């Protein structure tokens, strides 16, 4: 079974930066779509950014210009560089993957807290 494992969360001050990483294991195939979702306290999980194996990206309006998604197809890893962080970016961030048209199981998530 394919597993997604996130890392890189933490506590950062407003205006700061963090880099999240996710590694997929359990498959020899390049995952078609990888990305990030987040769930803030009391809210539903929402899309942050996705990237296809060909490099096409999609971002939530709230993070455009501040976050950058990238991936390594050979390693099935995806990263999210988050700059100019705001308190409203505080959430648990989850790695997302889609392989052969099916969503992969969510990872455990990584907490990002933006606070002074």
C-alpha atoms as a PDB file:
ATOM      1  CA  UNK A   1       0.000   0.000   0.000  1.00  0.00           C
ATOM      2  CA  UNK A   2       1.242   3.470  -0.872  1.00  0.00           C
ATOM      3  CA  UNK A   3       2.025   5.636   2.140  1.00  0.00           C
ATOM      4  CA  UNK A   4       2.502   9.395   2.306  1.00  0.00           C
ATOM      5  CA  UNK A   5       4.714  10.740   5.078  1.00  0.00           C
ATOM      6  CA  UNK A   6       4.927  14.465   5.797  1.00  0.00           C
ATOM      7  CA  UNK A   7       7.645  16.364   7.597  1.00  0.00           C
ATOM      8  CA  UNK A   8       8.797  19.906   8.188  1.00  0.00           C
ATOM      9  CA  UNK A   9       6.049  21.559  10.199  1.00  0.00           C
ATOM     10  CA  UNK A  10       6.626  23.685  13.255  1.00  0.00           C
ATOM     11  CA  UNK A  11       6.124  27.015  14.946  1.00  0.00           C
ATOM     12  CA  UNK A  12       7.059  30.174  13.076  1.00  0.00           C
ATOM     13  CA  UNK A  13       6.444  33.865  13.553  1.00  0.00           C
ATOM     14  CA  UNK A  14       4.255  35.828  11.156  1.00  0.00           C
ATOM     15  CA  UNK A  15       6.237  36.712   8.057  1.00  0.00           C
ATOM     16  CA  UNK A  16       8.484  33.711   8.479  1.00  0.00           C
ATOM     17  CA  UNK A  17       9.075  30.704   6.256  1.00  0.00           C
ATOM     18  CA  UNK A  18       8.767  26.936   6.484  1.00  0.00           C
ATOM     19  CA  UNK A  19       9.342  24.112   4.055  1.00  0.00           C
ATOM     20  CA  UNK A  20       7.193  21.010   4.113  1.00  0.00           C
ATOM     21  CA  UNK A  21       8.206  17.740   2.519  1.00  0.00           C
ATOM     22  CA  UNK A  22       6.332  14.572   1.698  1.00  0.00           C
ATOM     23  CA  UNK A  23       7.674  11.235   0.594  1.00  0.00           C
ATOM     24  CA  UNK A  24       5.604   8.470  -0.928  1.00  0.00           C
ATOM     25  CA  UNK A  25       6.565   4.857  -0.485  1.00  0.00           C
ATOM     26  CA  UNK A  26       5.153   1.565  -1.641  1.00  0.00           C
ATOM     27  CA  UNK A  27       4.967   2.168  -5.380  1.00  0.00           C
ATOM     28  CA  UNK A  28       7.343   2.034  -8.315  1.00  0.00           C
ATOM     29  CA  UNK A  29       5.099   4.300 -10.380  1.00  0.00           C
ATOM     30  CA  UNK A  30       5.332   8.070 -10.559  1.00  0.00           C
ATOM     31  CA  UNK A  31       2.337   9.463  -8.689  1.00  0.00           C
ATOM     32  CA  UNK A  32       0.233  11.404 -11.188  1.00  0.00           C
ATOM     33  CA  UNK A  33      -0.759  14.287  -8.929  1.00  0.00           C
ATOM     34  CA  UNK A  34       0.803  15.287  -5.639  1.00  0.00           C
ATOM     35  CA  UNK A  35      -0.002  18.202  -3.436  1.00  0.00           C
ATOM     36  CA  UNK A  36      -0.988  19.639  -0.116  1.00  0.00           C
ATOM     37  CA  UNK A  37      -4.213  20.209   1.734  1.00  0.00           C
ATOM     38  CA  UNK A  38      -4.704  21.739   5.146  1.00  0.00           C
ATOM     39  CA  UNK A  39      -7.248  21.708   7.937  1.00  0.00           C
ATOM     40  CA  UNK A  40      -7.458  24.651  10.264  1.00  0.00           C
ATOM     41  CA  UNK A  41      -9.142  24.316  13.662  1.00  0.00           C
ATOM     42  CA  UNK A  42     -12.901  24.143  13.226  1.00  0.00           C
ATOM     43  CA  UNK A  43     -12.714  24.111   9.446  1.00  0.00           C
ATOM     44  CA  UNK A  44     -12.847  21.551   6.679  1.00  0.00           C
ATOM     45  CA  UNK A  45      -9.792  20.320   4.874  1.00  0.00           C
ATOM     46  CA  UNK A  46      -8.978  22.597   1.940  1.00  0.00           C
ATOM     47  CA  UNK A  47      -6.718  22.546  -1.070  1.00  0.00           C
ATOM     48  CA  UNK A  48      -3.424  24.404  -0.756  1.00  0.00           C
ATOM     49  CA  UNK A  49      -1.543  23.420  -3.909  1.00  0.00           C
ATOM     50  CA  UNK A  50      -1.145  20.548  -6.345  1.00  0.00           C
ATOM     51  CA  UNK A  51       1.391  19.630  -8.990  1.00  0.00           C
ATOM     52  CA  UNK A  52       1.157  17.047 -11.752  1.00  0.00           C
ATOM     53  CA  UNK A  53       3.940  14.778 -12.922  1.00  0.00           C
ATOM     54  CA  UNK A  54       4.374  17.113 -15.913  1.00  0.00           C
ATOM     55  CA  UNK A  55       4.829  20.099 -13.622  1.00  0.00           C
ATOM     56  CA  UNK A  56       1.473  21.847 -13.896  1.00  0.00           C
ATOM     57  CA  UNK A  57       0.580  23.575 -10.678  1.00  0.00           C
ATOM     58  CA  UNK A  58      -2.560  24.846  -8.999  1.00  0.00           C
ATOM     59  CA  UNK A  59      -2.755  27.051  -5.919  1.00  0.00           C
ATOM     60  CA  UNK A  60      -5.453  28.247  -3.594  1.00  0.00           C
ATOM     61  CA  UNK A  61      -5.965  31.986  -4.021  1.00  0.00           C
ATOM     62  CA  UNK A  62      -5.036  32.535  -0.385  1.00  0.00           C
ATOM     63  CA  UNK A  63      -1.483  31.240  -0.905  1.00  0.00           C
ATOM     64  CA  UNK A  64      -0.665  32.431  -4.432  1.00  0.00           C
ATOM     65  CA  UNK A  65       2.556  34.406  -4.494  1.00  0.00           C
ATOM     66  CA  UNK A  66       3.603  33.133  -1.081  1.00  0.00           C
ATOM     67  CA  UNK A  67       3.779  29.344  -1.426  1.00  0.00           C
ATOM     68  CA  UNK A  68       5.643  27.328  -4.029  1.00  0.00           C
ATOM     69  CA  UNK A  69       5.100  23.644  -4.703  1.00  0.00           C
ATOM     70  CA  UNK A  70       7.706  21.408  -6.314  1.00  0.00           C
ATOM     71  CA  UNK A  71       8.280  17.707  -6.774  1.00  0.00           C
ATOM     72  CA  UNK A  72      10.828  15.073  -7.658  1.00  0.00           C
ATOM     73  CA  UNK A  73       9.169  12.518  -9.899  1.00  0.00           C
ATOM     74  CA  UNK A  74      11.967   9.986  -9.612  1.00  0.00           C
ATOM     75  CA  UNK A  75      11.709   9.966  -5.816  1.00  0.00           C
ATOM     76  CA  UNK A  76       7.955  10.556  -5.567  1.00  0.00           C
ATOM     77  CA  UNK A  77       8.484  13.470  -3.235  1.00  0.00           C
ATOM     78  CA  UNK A  78       6.707  16.800  -3.070  1.00  0.00           C
ATOM     79  CA  UNK A  79       7.676  19.931  -1.203  1.00  0.00           C
ATOM     80  CA  UNK A  80       5.910  23.122  -0.248  1.00  0.00           C
ATOM     81  CA  UNK A  81       7.950  26.256   0.358  1.00  0.00           C
ATOM     82  CA  UNK A  82       5.873  28.612   2.454  1.00  0.00           C
ATOM     83  CA  UNK A  83       6.958  32.250   2.722  1.00  0.00           C
ATOM     84  CA  UNK A  84       5.360  35.301   4.290  1.00  0.00           C
ATOM     85  CA  UNK A  85       3.364  33.078   6.596  1.00  0.00           C
ATOM     86  CA  UNK A  86       0.286  34.466   8.272  1.00  0.00           C
ATOM     87  CA  UNK A  87      -1.579  33.379  11.404  1.00  0.00           C
ATOM     88  CA  UNK A  88      -4.405  32.172   9.167  1.00  0.00           C
ATOM     89  CA  UNK A  89      -2.002  29.654   7.633  1.00  0.00           C
ATOM     90  CA  UNK A  90      -2.046  27.804  10.943  1.00  0.00           C
ATOM     91  CA  UNK A  91      -3.334  24.298  10.250  1.00  0.00           C
ATOM     92  CA  UNK A  92      -2.455  20.664   9.967  1.00  0.00           C
ATOM     93  CA  UNK A  93      -0.999  20.171   6.503  1.00  0.00           C
ATOM     94  CA  UNK A  94      -1.605  16.909   4.694  1.00  0.00           C
ATOM     95  CA  UNK A  95       0.174  15.473   1.718  1.00  0.00           C
ATOM     96  CA  UNK A  96      -2.067  14.465  -1.165  1.00  0.00           C
ATOM     97  CA  UNK A  97      -1.514  11.985  -3.943  1.00  0.00           C
ATOM     98  CA  UNK A  98      -3.479  10.548  -6.819  1.00  0.00           C
ATOM     99  CA  UNK A  99      -2.339   7.438  -8.600  1.00  0.00           C
ATOM    100  CA  UNK A 100      -4.152   5.864 -11.538  1.00  0.00           C
ATOM    101  CA  UNK A 101      -7.196   8.016 -10.867  1.00  0.00           C
ATOM    102  CA  UNK A 102      -7.562   7.115  -7.200  1.00  0.00           C
ATOM    103  CA  UNK A 103      -6.792   9.249  -4.183  1.00  0.00           C
ATOM    104  CA  UNK A 104      -4.111   7.792  -1.967  1.00  0.00           C
ATOM    105  CA  UNK A 105      -4.656   7.434   1.791  1.00  0.00           C
ATOM    106  CA  UNK A 106      -3.887  10.582   3.722  1.00  0.00           C
ATOM    107  CA  UNK A 107      -0.738  10.759   5.789  1.00  0.00           C
ATOM    108  CA  UNK A 108      -0.681  11.706   9.443  1.00  0.00           C
ATOM    109  CA  UNK A 109      -0.244  15.388   8.665  1.00  0.00           C
ATOM    110  CA  UNK A 110       2.188  17.932  10.014  1.00  0.00           C
ATOM    111  CA  UNK A 111       1.273  20.873  12.228  1.00  0.00           C
ATOM    112  CA  UNK A 112       2.118  24.397  11.104  1.00  0.00           C
ATOM    113  CA  UNK A 113       1.579  27.130  13.660  1.00  0.00           C
ATOM    114  CA  UNK A 114       2.096  30.785  12.790  1.00  0.00           C
ATOM    115  CA  UNK A 115       2.152  32.880  15.922  1.00  0.00           C
ATOM    116  CA  UNK A 116       4.163  35.554  17.643  1.00  0.00           C
END
